[in-house]
Amino acid sequence: MYVLSRLSKDRAGTSALEFAIIAPLFFLVLFTLIAYGIYLSVTHSVQQIAADAARTAVAGLNANERVTLVNHYLDASRFNYSFLNRQKMNVQVADDPGNPDQFTVTISYDSSDLPIWKMFTFALPQEKIERYATVRVGGM
């Protein structure tokens, strides 16, 4: 009885025990936030690249010339974006069938190399990131 009473009053080591219980959850949440932050950063970068490519393609007079300009822009530019690989980008430049005065640049990116796919505890977004930018050609 005396030993049980003494153990209930002894507070030595409680901080270590609490840390051992809470630390795995804390680190799981921390690394998940970092992984999702990387994914969202790449998604935003793909959107920015699509917008820049669409602005570059405005100078093209027809669909073939726009495709050439976009591919030249993507190949010649040095990406300052982290975690992006040009070889994993698929680019499409197409006139809008509903409106002949605009065209759309669509970039699909395979993000399977990102660290988020090694996380297995939370719901994950799609591996294929697809973003587009639509630009009006001439006039109002």
C-alpha atoms as a PDB file:
ATOM      1  CA  MET A   1       0.000   0.000   0.000  1.00  0.00           C
ATOM      2  CA  TYR A   2       2.835   2.340   0.905  1.00  0.00           C
ATOM      3  CA  VAL A   3       4.572   1.684  -2.449  1.00  0.00           C
ATOM      4  CA  LEU A   4       1.411   2.463  -4.408  1.00  0.00           C
ATOM      5  CA  SER A   5       0.898   5.671  -2.473  1.00  0.00           C
ATOM      6  CA  ARG A   6       4.488   6.718  -3.059  1.00  0.00           C
ATOM      7  CA  LEU A   7       4.286   6.015  -6.820  1.00  0.00           C
ATOM      8  CA  SER A   8       1.132   8.103  -7.208  1.00  0.00           C
ATOM      9  CA  LYS A   9       2.891  11.135  -5.673  1.00  0.00           C
ATOM     10  CA  ASP A  10       6.164  10.724  -7.585  1.00  0.00           C
ATOM     11  CA  ARG A  11       6.226  13.125 -10.584  1.00  0.00           C
ATOM     12  CA  ALA A  12       9.692  12.271 -11.903  1.00  0.00           C
ATOM     13  CA  GLY A  13       9.605  11.301 -15.567  1.00  0.00           C
ATOM     14  CA  THR A  14       6.102  12.512 -16.342  1.00  0.00           C
ATOM     15  CA  SER A  15       7.409  14.984 -18.930  1.00  0.00           C
ATOM     16  CA  ALA A  16       9.267  12.230 -20.737  1.00  0.00           C
ATOM     17  CA  LEU A  17       6.190  10.037 -20.703  1.00  0.00           C
ATOM     18  CA  GLU A  18       3.966  12.824 -22.041  1.00  0.00           C
ATOM     19  CA  PHE A  19       6.505  13.583 -24.758  1.00  0.00           C
ATOM     20  CA  ALA A  20       6.653   9.904 -25.748  1.00  0.00           C
ATOM     21  CA  ILE A  21       2.871   9.871 -26.126  1.00  0.00           C
ATOM     22  CA  ILE A  22       2.457  13.208 -27.934  1.00  0.00           C
ATOM     23  CA  ALA A  23       5.651  13.374 -30.064  1.00  0.00           C
ATOM     24  CA  PRO A  24       4.668  10.825 -32.755  1.00  0.00           C
ATOM     25  CA  LEU A  25       1.383  12.609 -33.384  1.00  0.00           C
ATOM     26  CA  PHE A  26       3.099  16.002 -33.410  1.00  0.00           C
ATOM     27  CA  PHE A  27       5.741  14.879 -35.924  1.00  0.00           C
ATOM     28  CA  LEU A  28       3.133  13.191 -38.102  1.00  0.00           C
ATOM     29  CA  VAL A  29       1.130  16.406 -38.302  1.00  0.00           C
ATOM     30  CA  LEU A  30       4.266  18.502 -38.863  1.00  0.00           C
ATOM     31  CA  PHE A  31       5.578  16.361 -41.728  1.00  0.00           C
ATOM     32  CA  THR A  32       2.113  16.155 -43.270  1.00  0.00           C
ATOM     33  CA  LEU A  33       1.882  19.958 -43.257  1.00  0.00           C
ATOM     34  CA  ILE A  34       5.266  20.181 -44.947  1.00  0.00           C
ATOM     35  CA  ALA A  35       4.307  17.601 -47.585  1.00  0.00           C
ATOM     36  CA  TYR A  36       0.993  19.327 -48.354  1.00  0.00           C
ATOM     37  CA  GLY A  37       2.809  22.672 -48.493  1.00  0.00           C
ATOM     38  CA  ILE A  38       5.174  21.273 -51.109  1.00  0.00           C
ATOM     39  CA  TYR A  39       2.250  19.890 -53.113  1.00  0.00           C
ATOM     40  CA  LEU A  40       0.373  23.206 -53.007  1.00  0.00           C
ATOM     41  CA  SER A  41       3.548  25.068 -53.975  1.00  0.00           C
ATOM     42  CA  VAL A  42       3.996  22.842 -57.029  1.00  0.00           C
ATOM     43  CA  THR A  43       0.324  23.261 -57.955  1.00  0.00           C
ATOM     44  CA  HIS A  44       0.651  27.042 -57.769  1.00  0.00           C
ATOM     45  CA  SER A  45       3.869  26.908 -59.807  1.00  0.00           C
ATOM     46  CA  VAL A  46       2.177  24.872 -62.553  1.00  0.00           C
ATOM     47  CA  GLN A  47      -0.615  27.472 -62.684  1.00  0.00           C
ATOM     48  CA  GLN A  48       1.924  30.295 -62.965  1.00  0.00           C
ATOM     49  CA  ILE A  49       3.813  28.484 -65.725  1.00  0.00           C
ATOM     50  CA  ALA A  50       0.559  27.932 -67.632  1.00  0.00           C
ATOM     51  CA  ALA A  51      -0.253  31.643 -67.349  1.00  0.00           C
ATOM     52  CA  ASP A  52       3.240  32.671 -68.483  1.00  0.00           C
ATOM     53  CA  ALA A  53       3.132  30.227 -71.385  1.00  0.00           C
ATOM     54  CA  ALA A  54      -0.280  31.544 -72.446  1.00  0.00           C
ATOM     55  CA  ARG A  55       1.035  35.110 -72.402  1.00  0.00           C
ATOM     56  CA  THR A  56       3.968  33.996 -74.533  1.00  0.00           C
ATOM     57  CA  ALA A  57       1.671  32.248 -77.007  1.00  0.00           C
ATOM     58  CA  VAL A  58      -0.320  35.431 -77.671  1.00  0.00           C
ATOM     59  CA  ALA A  59       2.355  36.424 -80.178  1.00  0.00           C
ATOM     60  CA  GLY A  60       1.518  33.409 -82.365  1.00  0.00           C
ATOM     61  CA  LEU A  61      -0.609  34.040 -85.432  1.00  0.00           C
ATOM     62  CA  ASN A  62      -2.076  30.536 -85.644  1.00  0.00           C
ATOM     63  CA  ALA A  63      -2.373  27.385 -83.519  1.00  0.00           C
ATOM     64  CA  ASN A  64       0.856  25.799 -84.793  1.00  0.00           C
ATOM     65  CA  GLU A  65       2.876  28.910 -84.088  1.00  0.00           C
ATOM     66  CA  ARG A  66       1.397  29.142 -80.572  1.00  0.00           C
ATOM     67  CA  VAL A  67       2.398  25.551 -79.819  1.00  0.00           C
ATOM     68  CA  THR A  68       5.925  26.287 -81.039  1.00  0.00           C
ATOM     69  CA  LEU A  69       6.160  29.442 -78.909  1.00  0.00           C
ATOM     70  CA  VAL A  70       4.909  27.691 -75.782  1.00  0.00           C
ATOM     71  CA  ASN A  71       7.285  24.756 -76.163  1.00  0.00           C
ATOM     72  CA  HIS A  72      10.186  27.094 -76.899  1.00  0.00           C
ATOM     73  CA  TYR A  73       9.323  29.141 -73.797  1.00  0.00           C
ATOM     74  CA  LEU A  74       9.163  26.056 -71.583  1.00  0.00           C
ATOM     75  CA  ASP A  75      12.396  24.598 -72.976  1.00  0.00           C
ATOM     76  CA  ALA A  76      14.364  27.866 -72.887  1.00  0.00           C
ATOM     77  CA  SER A  77      13.246  29.192 -69.520  1.00  0.00           C
ATOM     78  CA  ARG A  78      15.041  28.165 -66.390  1.00  0.00           C
ATOM     79  CA  PHE A  79      12.439  27.289 -63.828  1.00  0.00           C
ATOM     80  CA  ASN A  80      13.029  28.890 -60.456  1.00  0.00           C
ATOM     81  CA  TYR A  81      10.359  26.631 -59.008  1.00  0.00           C
ATOM     82  CA  SER A  82      11.271  23.941 -56.532  1.00  0.00           C
ATOM     83  CA  PHE A  83      10.312  20.327 -57.133  1.00  0.00           C
ATOM     84  CA  LEU A  84       9.431  20.876 -60.818  1.00  0.00           C
ATOM     85  CA  ASN A  85      10.792  18.788 -63.644  1.00  0.00           C
ATOM     86  CA  ARG A  86      10.227  19.949 -67.241  1.00  0.00           C
ATOM     87  CA  GLN A  87      10.259  16.378 -68.554  1.00  0.00           C
ATOM     88  CA  LYS A  88       7.150  15.564 -66.510  1.00  0.00           C
ATOM     89  CA  MET A  89       5.086  18.358 -68.075  1.00  0.00           C
ATOM     90  CA  ASN A  90       2.597  17.696 -70.832  1.00  0.00           C
ATOM     91  CA  VAL A  91       1.535  20.856 -72.665  1.00  0.00           C
ATOM     92  CA  GLN A  92      -1.491  21.380 -74.888  1.00  0.00           C
ATOM     93  CA  VAL A  93      -2.344  24.561 -76.735  1.00  0.00           C
ATOM     94  CA  ALA A  94      -5.794  24.578 -78.287  1.00  0.00           C
ATOM     95  CA  ASP A  95      -8.217  27.099 -79.684  1.00  0.00           C
ATOM     96  CA  ASP A  96     -11.430  27.398 -77.744  1.00  0.00           C
ATOM     97  CA  PRO A  97     -14.179  25.715 -79.805  1.00  0.00           C
ATOM     98  CA  GLY A  98     -16.858  27.901 -78.245  1.00  0.00           C
ATOM     99  CA  ASN A  99     -15.055  31.177 -78.887  1.00  0.00           C
ATOM    100  CA  PRO A 100     -12.695  31.653 -81.854  1.00  0.00           C
ATOM    101  CA  ASP A 101     -11.171  34.735 -80.215  1.00  0.00           C
ATOM    102  CA  GLN A 102      -9.460  32.839 -77.396  1.00  0.00           C
ATOM    103  CA  PHE A 103      -7.193  29.862 -76.835  1.00  0.00           C
ATOM    104  CA  THR A 104      -6.203  27.776 -73.829  1.00  0.00           C
ATOM    105  CA  VAL A 105      -2.831  26.508 -72.656  1.00  0.00           C
ATOM    106  CA  THR A 106      -3.197  23.402 -70.482  1.00  0.00           C
ATOM    107  CA  ILE A 107      -0.300  21.941 -68.536  1.00  0.00           C
ATOM    108  CA  SER A 108      -0.509  18.494 -66.965  1.00  0.00           C
ATOM    109  CA  TYR A 109       2.213  17.619 -64.491  1.00  0.00           C
ATOM    110  CA  ASP A 110       3.015  14.194 -63.064  1.00  0.00           C
ATOM    111  CA  SER A 111       3.808  14.886 -59.412  1.00  0.00           C
ATOM    112  CA  SER A 112       4.610  11.307 -58.422  1.00  0.00           C
ATOM    113  CA  ASP A 113       8.099  12.313 -57.191  1.00  0.00           C
ATOM    114  CA  LEU A 114       6.775  14.607 -54.476  1.00  0.00           C
ATOM    115  CA  PRO A 115       7.181  13.527 -50.840  1.00  0.00           C
ATOM    116  CA  ILE A 116       3.458  13.733 -50.172  1.00  0.00           C
ATOM    117  CA  TRP A 117       2.912  10.341 -51.835  1.00  0.00           C
ATOM    118  CA  LYS A 118       4.963   8.687 -49.118  1.00  0.00           C
ATOM    119  CA  MET A 119       2.399   9.835 -46.545  1.00  0.00           C
ATOM    120  CA  PHE A 120      -0.238   7.201 -45.947  1.00  0.00           C
ATOM    121  CA  THR A 121      -2.367   8.567 -43.155  1.00  0.00           C
ATOM    122  CA  PHE A 122      -4.470  11.302 -44.732  1.00  0.00           C
ATOM    123  CA  ALA A 123      -6.584  11.707 -47.824  1.00  0.00           C
ATOM    124  CA  LEU A 124      -4.309  12.478 -50.749  1.00  0.00           C
ATOM    125  CA  PRO A 125      -4.945  14.684 -53.807  1.00  0.00           C
ATOM    126  CA  GLN A 126      -4.489  13.458 -57.362  1.00  0.00           C
ATOM    127  CA  GLU A 127      -0.972  12.760 -58.599  1.00  0.00           C
ATOM    128  CA  LYS A 128      -1.695  14.458 -61.915  1.00  0.00           C
ATOM    129  CA  ILE A 129      -1.788  18.238 -61.518  1.00  0.00           C
ATOM    130  CA  GLU A 130      -3.633  19.915 -64.381  1.00  0.00           C
ATOM    131  CA  ARG A 131      -3.915  23.680 -64.717  1.00  0.00           C
ATOM    132  CA  TYR A 132      -4.839  25.926 -67.603  1.00  0.00           C
ATOM    133  CA  ALA A 133      -4.824  29.549 -68.692  1.00  0.00           C
ATOM    134  CA  THR A 134      -7.160  31.024 -71.285  1.00  0.00           C
ATOM    135  CA  VAL A 135      -6.184  34.101 -73.272  1.00  0.00           C
ATOM    136  CA  ARG A 136      -8.285  36.262 -75.544  1.00  0.00           C
ATOM    137  CA  VAL A 137      -6.688  37.061 -78.887  1.00  0.00           C
ATOM    138  CA  GLY A 138      -7.106  40.642 -80.037  1.00  0.00           C
ATOM    139  CA  GLY A 139     -10.059  42.975 -79.597  1.00  0.00           C
ATOM    140  CA  MET A 140     -12.503  43.040 -76.762  1.00  0.00           C
END
